[in-house]
């Protein structure tokens, strides 16, 4: 299989099943507009490469290696959408298809250069979150500003299921893994108790992208939505703190 085809299959499984679920052969065939028999053959090949776990009649799920590739492609796709929409001013109804054609051809260096040029956008034009940069440390100035030093557990953010705090529901909690922003923003949040490794829960989200109210270190804080969506957490399963 060509690398582009490999990436398209992994991305399709990621879109259909997420990071932990399984995608049926028929669903993948419909997504990629190919015959189910072609999908079966491709999944067998991907399983041999240890990129998917495949069981006939049950579907395919991503391995850790497959997940990493899929998340890389999704990040590049969403960065390209921002570039096409905000820099080249291409109609937003067309940026998805354009990004699909480009996402397989850019390098990691180009990906991170786009991130720097676009000031590390948190979301694509359609509202989907853009994960932090590939290395976590040192790939872009925003990462350096956010961490201040080499933090071991941020050495590869793609290995974790990190989401913006705005994606947590009311009464859900997470552990802060990454804060994207300049030094002033990071310092202000740190002064409020929002530091790496701290557990925080969402108590209320105002409608219309209003402030997000969180509970951290026995204190309730109201955070502007645009700032909150740049605070990334590892979601914690279970009840409230």
C-alpha atoms as a PDB file:
ATOM      1  CA  UNK A   1       0.000   0.000   0.000  1.00  0.00           C
ATOM      2  CA  UNK A   2       1.197   3.509  -0.785  1.00  0.00           C
ATOM      3  CA  UNK A   3       1.796   5.705   2.268  1.00  0.00           C
ATOM      4  CA  UNK A   4      -1.012   8.075   1.287  1.00  0.00           C
ATOM      5  CA  UNK A   5      -3.443   5.167   1.134  1.00  0.00           C
ATOM      6  CA  UNK A   6      -2.248   3.904   4.514  1.00  0.00           C
ATOM      7  CA  UNK A   7      -2.852   7.333   6.034  1.00  0.00           C
ATOM      8  CA  UNK A   8      -6.311   7.609   4.455  1.00  0.00           C
ATOM      9  CA  UNK A   9      -7.394   4.291   5.962  1.00  0.00           C
ATOM     10  CA  UNK A  10      -6.034   5.144   9.396  1.00  0.00           C
ATOM     11  CA  UNK A  11      -7.692   8.554   9.283  1.00  0.00           C
ATOM     12  CA  UNK A  12     -11.005   6.985   8.239  1.00  0.00           C
ATOM     13  CA  UNK A  13     -10.877   4.522  11.149  1.00  0.00           C
ATOM     14  CA  UNK A  14     -10.014   7.395  13.491  1.00  0.00           C
ATOM     15  CA  UNK A  15     -12.964   9.458  12.216  1.00  0.00           C
ATOM     16  CA  UNK A  16     -15.414   6.562  12.438  1.00  0.00           C
ATOM     17  CA  UNK A  17     -14.352   4.918  15.676  1.00  0.00           C
ATOM     18  CA  UNK A  18     -12.266   7.516  17.532  1.00  0.00           C
ATOM     19  CA  UNK A  19      -9.126   6.486  19.401  1.00  0.00           C
ATOM     20  CA  UNK A  20     -10.515   3.462  21.239  1.00  0.00           C
ATOM     21  CA  UNK A  21     -13.419   2.098  19.191  1.00  0.00           C
ATOM     22  CA  UNK A  22     -13.685  -0.213  16.180  1.00  0.00           C
ATOM     23  CA  UNK A  23     -14.774   0.661  12.648  1.00  0.00           C
ATOM     24  CA  UNK A  24     -16.841  -1.772  10.581  1.00  0.00           C
ATOM     25  CA  UNK A  25     -15.656  -2.690   7.095  1.00  0.00           C
ATOM     26  CA  UNK A  26     -18.844  -1.346   5.535  1.00  0.00           C
ATOM     27  CA  UNK A  27     -18.460   2.013   7.298  1.00  0.00           C
ATOM     28  CA  UNK A  28     -14.860   2.359   6.102  1.00  0.00           C
ATOM     29  CA  UNK A  29     -15.898   1.442   2.560  1.00  0.00           C
ATOM     30  CA  UNK A  30     -18.616   4.094   2.611  1.00  0.00           C
ATOM     31  CA  UNK A  31     -16.247   6.723   4.016  1.00  0.00           C
ATOM     32  CA  UNK A  32     -13.524   6.082   1.421  1.00  0.00           C
ATOM     33  CA  UNK A  33     -15.960   5.256  -1.411  1.00  0.00           C
ATOM     34  CA  UNK A  34     -14.364   1.902  -2.181  1.00  0.00           C
ATOM     35  CA  UNK A  35     -15.622  -1.687  -2.342  1.00  0.00           C
ATOM     36  CA  UNK A  36     -15.860  -3.637   0.955  1.00  0.00           C
ATOM     37  CA  UNK A  37     -13.594  -6.320  -0.514  1.00  0.00           C
ATOM     38  CA  UNK A  38     -10.886  -3.690  -1.058  1.00  0.00           C
ATOM     39  CA  UNK A  39     -11.262  -2.576   2.549  1.00  0.00           C
ATOM     40  CA  UNK A  40     -10.843  -6.130   3.836  1.00  0.00           C
ATOM     41  CA  UNK A  41      -7.632  -6.538   1.846  1.00  0.00           C
ATOM     42  CA  UNK A  42      -6.313  -3.172   3.057  1.00  0.00           C
ATOM     43  CA  UNK A  43      -7.115  -3.928   6.713  1.00  0.00           C
ATOM     44  CA  UNK A  44      -5.256  -7.225   6.493  1.00  0.00           C
ATOM     45  CA  UNK A  45      -2.231  -5.361   5.135  1.00  0.00           C
ATOM     46  CA  UNK A  46      -2.458  -2.718   7.884  1.00  0.00           C
ATOM     47  CA  UNK A  47      -2.723  -5.438  10.521  1.00  0.00           C
ATOM     48  CA  UNK A  48       0.484  -7.006   9.201  1.00  0.00           C
ATOM     49  CA  UNK A  49       2.172  -3.618   9.656  1.00  0.00           C
ATOM     50  CA  UNK A  50       0.853  -3.478  13.257  1.00  0.00           C
ATOM     51  CA  UNK A  51      -1.135  -0.324  12.513  1.00  0.00           C
ATOM     52  CA  UNK A  52      -4.593  -1.798  13.189  1.00  0.00           C
ATOM     53  CA  UNK A  53      -6.153  -4.649  15.093  1.00  0.00           C
ATOM     54  CA  UNK A  54      -8.473  -6.404  12.644  1.00  0.00           C
ATOM     55  CA  UNK A  55     -11.018  -9.138  13.212  1.00  0.00           C
ATOM     56  CA  UNK A  56     -13.315 -10.275  10.379  1.00  0.00           C
ATOM     57  CA  UNK A  57     -16.960  -9.300  10.983  1.00  0.00           C
ATOM     58  CA  UNK A  58     -15.945  -7.181  13.997  1.00  0.00           C
ATOM     59  CA  UNK A  59     -13.986  -4.420  12.312  1.00  0.00           C
ATOM     60  CA  UNK A  60     -10.690  -2.645  12.889  1.00  0.00           C
ATOM     61  CA  UNK A  61      -9.282  -0.534  15.696  1.00  0.00           C
ATOM     62  CA  UNK A  62      -6.084   1.497  15.747  1.00  0.00           C
ATOM     63  CA  UNK A  63      -2.942   0.274  17.460  1.00  0.00           C
ATOM     64  CA  UNK A  64      -0.779   2.819  19.275  1.00  0.00           C
ATOM     65  CA  UNK A  65       1.356   3.209  16.139  1.00  0.00           C
ATOM     66  CA  UNK A  66      -1.717   3.591  13.945  1.00  0.00           C
ATOM     67  CA  UNK A  67      -3.249   6.099  16.327  1.00  0.00           C
ATOM     68  CA  UNK A  68      -0.108   8.230  16.285  1.00  0.00           C
ATOM     69  CA  UNK A  69      -0.111   8.406  12.476  1.00  0.00           C
ATOM     70  CA  UNK A  70      -3.837   9.193  12.358  1.00  0.00           C
ATOM     71  CA  UNK A  71      -3.532  11.984  14.920  1.00  0.00           C
ATOM     72  CA  UNK A  72      -0.581  13.447  13.008  1.00  0.00           C
ATOM     73  CA  UNK A  73      -2.643  13.567   9.820  1.00  0.00           C
ATOM     74  CA  UNK A  74      -5.633  15.090  11.630  1.00  0.00           C
ATOM     75  CA  UNK A  75      -3.431  17.831  13.098  1.00  0.00           C
ATOM     76  CA  UNK A  76      -1.913  18.633   9.698  1.00  0.00           C
ATOM     77  CA  UNK A  77      -5.340  18.627   8.085  1.00  0.00           C
ATOM     78  CA  UNK A  78      -6.755  21.093  10.595  1.00  0.00           C
ATOM     79  CA  UNK A  79      -3.724  23.395  10.442  1.00  0.00           C
ATOM     80  CA  UNK A  80      -4.018  23.422   6.650  1.00  0.00           C
ATOM     81  CA  UNK A  81      -7.702  24.300   6.921  1.00  0.00           C
ATOM     82  CA  UNK A  82      -6.834  27.314   9.081  1.00  0.00           C
ATOM     83  CA  UNK A  83      -4.111  28.355   6.615  1.00  0.00           C
ATOM     84  CA  UNK A  84      -6.399  27.995   3.600  1.00  0.00           C
ATOM     85  CA  UNK A  85      -9.285  29.843   5.237  1.00  0.00           C
ATOM     86  CA  UNK A  86      -7.498  32.593   7.172  1.00  0.00           C
ATOM     87  CA  UNK A  87      -4.402  33.256   5.060  1.00  0.00           C
ATOM     88  CA  UNK A  88      -5.411  32.347   1.513  1.00  0.00           C
ATOM     89  CA  UNK A  89      -9.075  33.289   2.134  1.00  0.00           C
ATOM     90  CA  UNK A  90     -10.403  30.239   0.332  1.00  0.00           C
ATOM     91  CA  UNK A  91     -14.115  29.663   0.822  1.00  0.00           C
ATOM     92  CA  UNK A  92     -14.630  27.606   3.980  1.00  0.00           C
ATOM     93  CA  UNK A  93     -16.846  25.154   2.120  1.00  0.00           C
ATOM     94  CA  UNK A  94     -13.807  24.165   0.037  1.00  0.00           C
ATOM     95  CA  UNK A  95     -11.010  24.044   2.606  1.00  0.00           C
ATOM     96  CA  UNK A  96     -11.755  20.482   3.767  1.00  0.00           C
ATOM     97  CA  UNK A  97     -11.273  18.932   0.325  1.00  0.00           C
ATOM     98  CA  UNK A  98      -8.191  21.065  -0.325  1.00  0.00           C
ATOM     99  CA  UNK A  99      -6.666  20.068   2.999  1.00  0.00           C
ATOM    100  CA  UNK A 100      -7.362  16.397   2.245  1.00  0.00           C
ATOM    101  CA  UNK A 101      -5.227  16.662  -0.870  1.00  0.00           C
ATOM    102  CA  UNK A 102      -2.371  18.444   0.923  1.00  0.00           C
ATOM    103  CA  UNK A 103      -2.210  16.696   4.305  1.00  0.00           C
ATOM    104  CA  UNK A 104      -0.233  13.697   3.025  1.00  0.00           C
ATOM    105  CA  UNK A 105       2.526  15.736   1.396  1.00  0.00           C
ATOM    106  CA  UNK A 106       3.815  18.132   4.071  1.00  0.00           C
ATOM    107  CA  UNK A 107       6.686  17.304   6.426  1.00  0.00           C
ATOM    108  CA  UNK A 108       6.821  17.666  10.196  1.00  0.00           C
ATOM    109  CA  UNK A 109       8.981  20.776   9.766  1.00  0.00           C
ATOM    110  CA  UNK A 110       6.345  22.343   7.509  1.00  0.00           C
ATOM    111  CA  UNK A 111       3.601  21.325   9.931  1.00  0.00           C
ATOM    112  CA  UNK A 112       5.313  23.080  12.817  1.00  0.00           C
ATOM    113  CA  UNK A 113       6.188  26.102  10.659  1.00  0.00           C
ATOM    114  CA  UNK A 114       2.497  26.434   9.843  1.00  0.00           C
ATOM    115  CA  UNK A 115       1.708  26.229  13.551  1.00  0.00           C
ATOM    116  CA  UNK A 116       4.152  29.040  14.312  1.00  0.00           C
ATOM    117  CA  UNK A 117       2.954  31.240  11.469  1.00  0.00           C
ATOM    118  CA  UNK A 118      -0.689  30.784  12.480  1.00  0.00           C
ATOM    119  CA  UNK A 119       0.120  31.513  16.159  1.00  0.00           C
ATOM    120  CA  UNK A 120      -0.749  27.977  17.274  1.00  0.00           C
ATOM    121  CA  UNK A 121      -4.506  27.953  16.550  1.00  0.00           C
ATOM    122  CA  UNK A 122      -6.576  25.898  18.962  1.00  0.00           C
ATOM    123  CA  UNK A 123      -9.330  24.963  16.487  1.00  0.00           C
ATOM    124  CA  UNK A 124      -9.888  24.517  12.763  1.00  0.00           C
ATOM    125  CA  UNK A 125     -12.509  26.598  10.891  1.00  0.00           C
ATOM    126  CA  UNK A 126     -15.097  23.898  11.640  1.00  0.00           C
ATOM    127  CA  UNK A 127     -14.462  23.980  15.382  1.00  0.00           C
ATOM    128  CA  UNK A 128     -12.473  20.760  15.791  1.00  0.00           C
ATOM    129  CA  UNK A 129      -9.566  21.021  18.279  1.00  0.00           C
ATOM    130  CA  UNK A 130      -5.979  21.170  17.024  1.00  0.00           C
ATOM    131  CA  UNK A 131      -3.645  19.221  19.275  1.00  0.00           C
ATOM    132  CA  UNK A 132      -0.389  20.708  20.605  1.00  0.00           C
ATOM    133  CA  UNK A 133       2.662  20.373  18.369  1.00  0.00           C
ATOM    134  CA  UNK A 134       4.297  17.038  17.675  1.00  0.00           C
ATOM    135  CA  UNK A 135       7.257  17.190  20.056  1.00  0.00           C
ATOM    136  CA  UNK A 136       5.590  19.083  22.864  1.00  0.00           C
ATOM    137  CA  UNK A 137       8.909  20.709  23.748  1.00  0.00           C
ATOM    138  CA  UNK A 138      10.947  22.849  21.403  1.00  0.00           C
ATOM    139  CA  UNK A 139       8.888  22.482  18.232  1.00  0.00           C
ATOM    140  CA  UNK A 140       7.399  25.947  18.391  1.00  0.00           C
ATOM    141  CA  UNK A 141       7.722  29.053  20.508  1.00  0.00           C
ATOM    142  CA  UNK A 142       4.262  28.583  21.984  1.00  0.00           C
ATOM    143  CA  UNK A 143       5.357  25.259  23.494  1.00  0.00           C
ATOM    144  CA  UNK A 144       8.465  26.826  24.994  1.00  0.00           C
ATOM    145  CA  UNK A 145       6.411  29.656  26.479  1.00  0.00           C
ATOM    146  CA  UNK A 146       3.843  27.251  27.845  1.00  0.00           C
ATOM    147  CA  UNK A 147       6.249  24.901  29.551  1.00  0.00           C
ATOM    148  CA  UNK A 148       9.250  27.047  30.409  1.00  0.00           C
ATOM    149  CA  UNK A 149      11.395  23.944  30.735  1.00  0.00           C
ATOM    150  CA  UNK A 150      11.576  20.376  29.508  1.00  0.00           C
ATOM    151  CA  UNK A 151       8.745  18.556  31.257  1.00  0.00           C
ATOM    152  CA  UNK A 152       9.202  14.767  30.854  1.00  0.00           C
ATOM    153  CA  UNK A 153       5.572  13.825  30.475  1.00  0.00           C
ATOM    154  CA  UNK A 154       5.141  16.341  27.664  1.00  0.00           C
ATOM    155  CA  UNK A 155       7.869  14.820  25.515  1.00  0.00           C
ATOM    156  CA  UNK A 156       5.252  13.497  23.090  1.00  0.00           C
ATOM    157  CA  UNK A 157       1.763  14.875  23.597  1.00  0.00           C
ATOM    158  CA  UNK A 158       0.303  12.754  20.829  1.00  0.00           C
ATOM    159  CA  UNK A 159       0.622   9.638  22.941  1.00  0.00           C
ATOM    160  CA  UNK A 160      -2.044  10.954  25.319  1.00  0.00           C
ATOM    161  CA  UNK A 161      -5.743  11.620  24.805  1.00  0.00           C
ATOM    162  CA  UNK A 162      -5.510  15.355  25.395  1.00  0.00           C
ATOM    163  CA  UNK A 163      -8.520  17.627  24.899  1.00  0.00           C
ATOM    164  CA  UNK A 164      -9.202  21.315  25.530  1.00  0.00           C
ATOM    165  CA  UNK A 165     -10.817  21.937  28.894  1.00  0.00           C
ATOM    166  CA  UNK A 166     -13.777  23.404  26.986  1.00  0.00           C
ATOM    167  CA  UNK A 167     -14.535  19.882  25.698  1.00  0.00           C
ATOM    168  CA  UNK A 168     -15.187  18.617  29.226  1.00  0.00           C
ATOM    169  CA  UNK A 169     -18.807  18.470  30.269  1.00  0.00           C
ATOM    170  CA  UNK A 170     -20.199  19.971  33.450  1.00  0.00           C
ATOM    171  CA  UNK A 171     -18.909  18.100  36.523  1.00  0.00           C
ATOM    172  CA  UNK A 172     -16.236  16.333  34.465  1.00  0.00           C
ATOM    173  CA  UNK A 173     -12.596  16.694  35.435  1.00  0.00           C
ATOM    174  CA  UNK A 174      -9.138  16.402  33.937  1.00  0.00           C
ATOM    175  CA  UNK A 175      -5.456  16.813  34.715  1.00  0.00           C
ATOM    176  CA  UNK A 176      -3.753  19.804  33.087  1.00  0.00           C
ATOM    177  CA  UNK A 177      -1.201  18.522  30.573  1.00  0.00           C
ATOM    178  CA  UNK A 178      -0.436  21.571  28.438  1.00  0.00           C
ATOM    179  CA  UNK A 179      -1.185  25.280  28.333  1.00  0.00           C
ATOM    180  CA  UNK A 180      -0.801  27.019  25.002  1.00  0.00           C
ATOM    181  CA  UNK A 181      -0.112  30.748  25.034  1.00  0.00           C
ATOM    182  CA  UNK A 182       2.500  33.389  25.658  1.00  0.00           C
ATOM    183  CA  UNK A 183       4.408  33.755  28.926  1.00  0.00           C
ATOM    184  CA  UNK A 184       2.001  36.338  30.343  1.00  0.00           C
ATOM    185  CA  UNK A 185      -1.052  34.124  29.826  1.00  0.00           C
ATOM    186  CA  UNK A 186       0.681  31.065  31.259  1.00  0.00           C
ATOM    187  CA  UNK A 187       1.965  32.997  34.273  1.00  0.00           C
ATOM    188  CA  UNK A 188      -1.473  34.484  34.992  1.00  0.00           C
ATOM    189  CA  UNK A 189      -3.084  31.048  34.882  1.00  0.00           C
ATOM    190  CA  UNK A 190      -0.319  29.606  37.058  1.00  0.00           C
ATOM    191  CA  UNK A 191      -0.932  32.327  39.636  1.00  0.00           C
ATOM    192  CA  UNK A 192      -4.562  31.196  39.728  1.00  0.00           C
ATOM    193  CA  UNK A 193      -3.503  27.602  40.465  1.00  0.00           C
ATOM    194  CA  UNK A 194      -3.809  26.261  36.919  1.00  0.00           C
ATOM    195  CA  UNK A 195      -0.450  24.529  36.679  1.00  0.00           C
ATOM    196  CA  UNK A 196       0.747  21.392  34.905  1.00  0.00           C
ATOM    197  CA  UNK A 197      -0.405  18.208  36.622  1.00  0.00           C
ATOM    198  CA  UNK A 198      -3.193  19.913  38.562  1.00  0.00           C
ATOM    199  CA  UNK A 199      -6.653  18.311  38.589  1.00  0.00           C
ATOM    200  CA  UNK A 200      -9.433  20.677  37.562  1.00  0.00           C
ATOM    201  CA  UNK A 201     -13.178  20.161  37.115  1.00  0.00           C
ATOM    202  CA  UNK A 202     -15.695  22.089  35.050  1.00  0.00           C
ATOM    203  CA  UNK A 203     -18.627  23.271  37.142  1.00  0.00           C
ATOM    204  CA  UNK A 204     -20.432  25.331  34.504  1.00  0.00           C
ATOM    205  CA  UNK A 205     -20.086  26.421  30.883  1.00  0.00           C
ATOM    206  CA  UNK A 206     -21.925  29.581  29.885  1.00  0.00           C
ATOM    207  CA  UNK A 207     -23.827  29.409  26.570  1.00  0.00           C
ATOM    208  CA  UNK A 208     -22.688  31.150  23.379  1.00  0.00           C
ATOM    209  CA  UNK A 209     -18.993  30.538  24.136  1.00  0.00           C
ATOM    210  CA  UNK A 210     -19.233  32.433  27.389  1.00  0.00           C
ATOM    211  CA  UNK A 211     -16.909  31.958  30.387  1.00  0.00           C
ATOM    212  CA  UNK A 212     -16.046  28.481  31.625  1.00  0.00           C
ATOM    213  CA  UNK A 213     -16.356  28.083  35.384  1.00  0.00           C
ATOM    214  CA  UNK A 214     -13.870  25.627  36.884  1.00  0.00           C
ATOM    215  CA  UNK A 215     -13.036  24.298  40.330  1.00  0.00           C
ATOM    216  CA  UNK A 216      -9.326  24.047  41.126  1.00  0.00           C
ATOM    217  CA  UNK A 217      -7.457  23.914  44.437  1.00  0.00           C
ATOM    218  CA  UNK A 218     -10.722  24.438  46.397  1.00  0.00           C
ATOM    219  CA  UNK A 219     -11.449  27.616  44.418  1.00  0.00           C
ATOM    220  CA  UNK A 220     -13.974  28.438  41.701  1.00  0.00           C
ATOM    221  CA  UNK A 221     -12.675  30.441  38.737  1.00  0.00           C
ATOM    222  CA  UNK A 222     -14.415  31.900  35.675  1.00  0.00           C
ATOM    223  CA  UNK A 223     -12.139  31.724  32.626  1.00  0.00           C
ATOM    224  CA  UNK A 224     -12.721  33.424  29.291  1.00  0.00           C
ATOM    225  CA  UNK A 225     -13.694  30.805  26.690  1.00  0.00           C
ATOM    226  CA  UNK A 226     -10.852  31.731  24.300  1.00  0.00           C
ATOM    227  CA  UNK A 227      -8.311  31.237  27.078  1.00  0.00           C
ATOM    228  CA  UNK A 228      -9.973  28.059  28.348  1.00  0.00           C
ATOM    229  CA  UNK A 229      -9.793  26.356  24.969  1.00  0.00           C
ATOM    230  CA  UNK A 230      -5.998  26.686  25.124  1.00  0.00           C
ATOM    231  CA  UNK A 231      -5.814  24.721  28.388  1.00  0.00           C
ATOM    232  CA  UNK A 232      -5.416  21.045  27.496  1.00  0.00           C
ATOM    233  CA  UNK A 233      -6.202  18.239  29.922  1.00  0.00           C
ATOM    234  CA  UNK A 234      -6.159  14.472  30.179  1.00  0.00           C
ATOM    235  CA  UNK A 235      -9.770  13.656  30.979  1.00  0.00           C
ATOM    236  CA  UNK A 236     -10.242  11.784  34.278  1.00  0.00           C
ATOM    237  CA  UNK A 237     -12.959   9.165  34.372  1.00  0.00           C
ATOM    238  CA  UNK A 238     -15.230   9.060  37.368  1.00  0.00           C
ATOM    239  CA  UNK A 239     -17.165  11.512  39.491  1.00  0.00           C
ATOM    240  CA  UNK A 240     -16.482  15.007  40.657  1.00  0.00           C
ATOM    241  CA  UNK A 241     -13.611  15.947  42.957  1.00  0.00           C
END
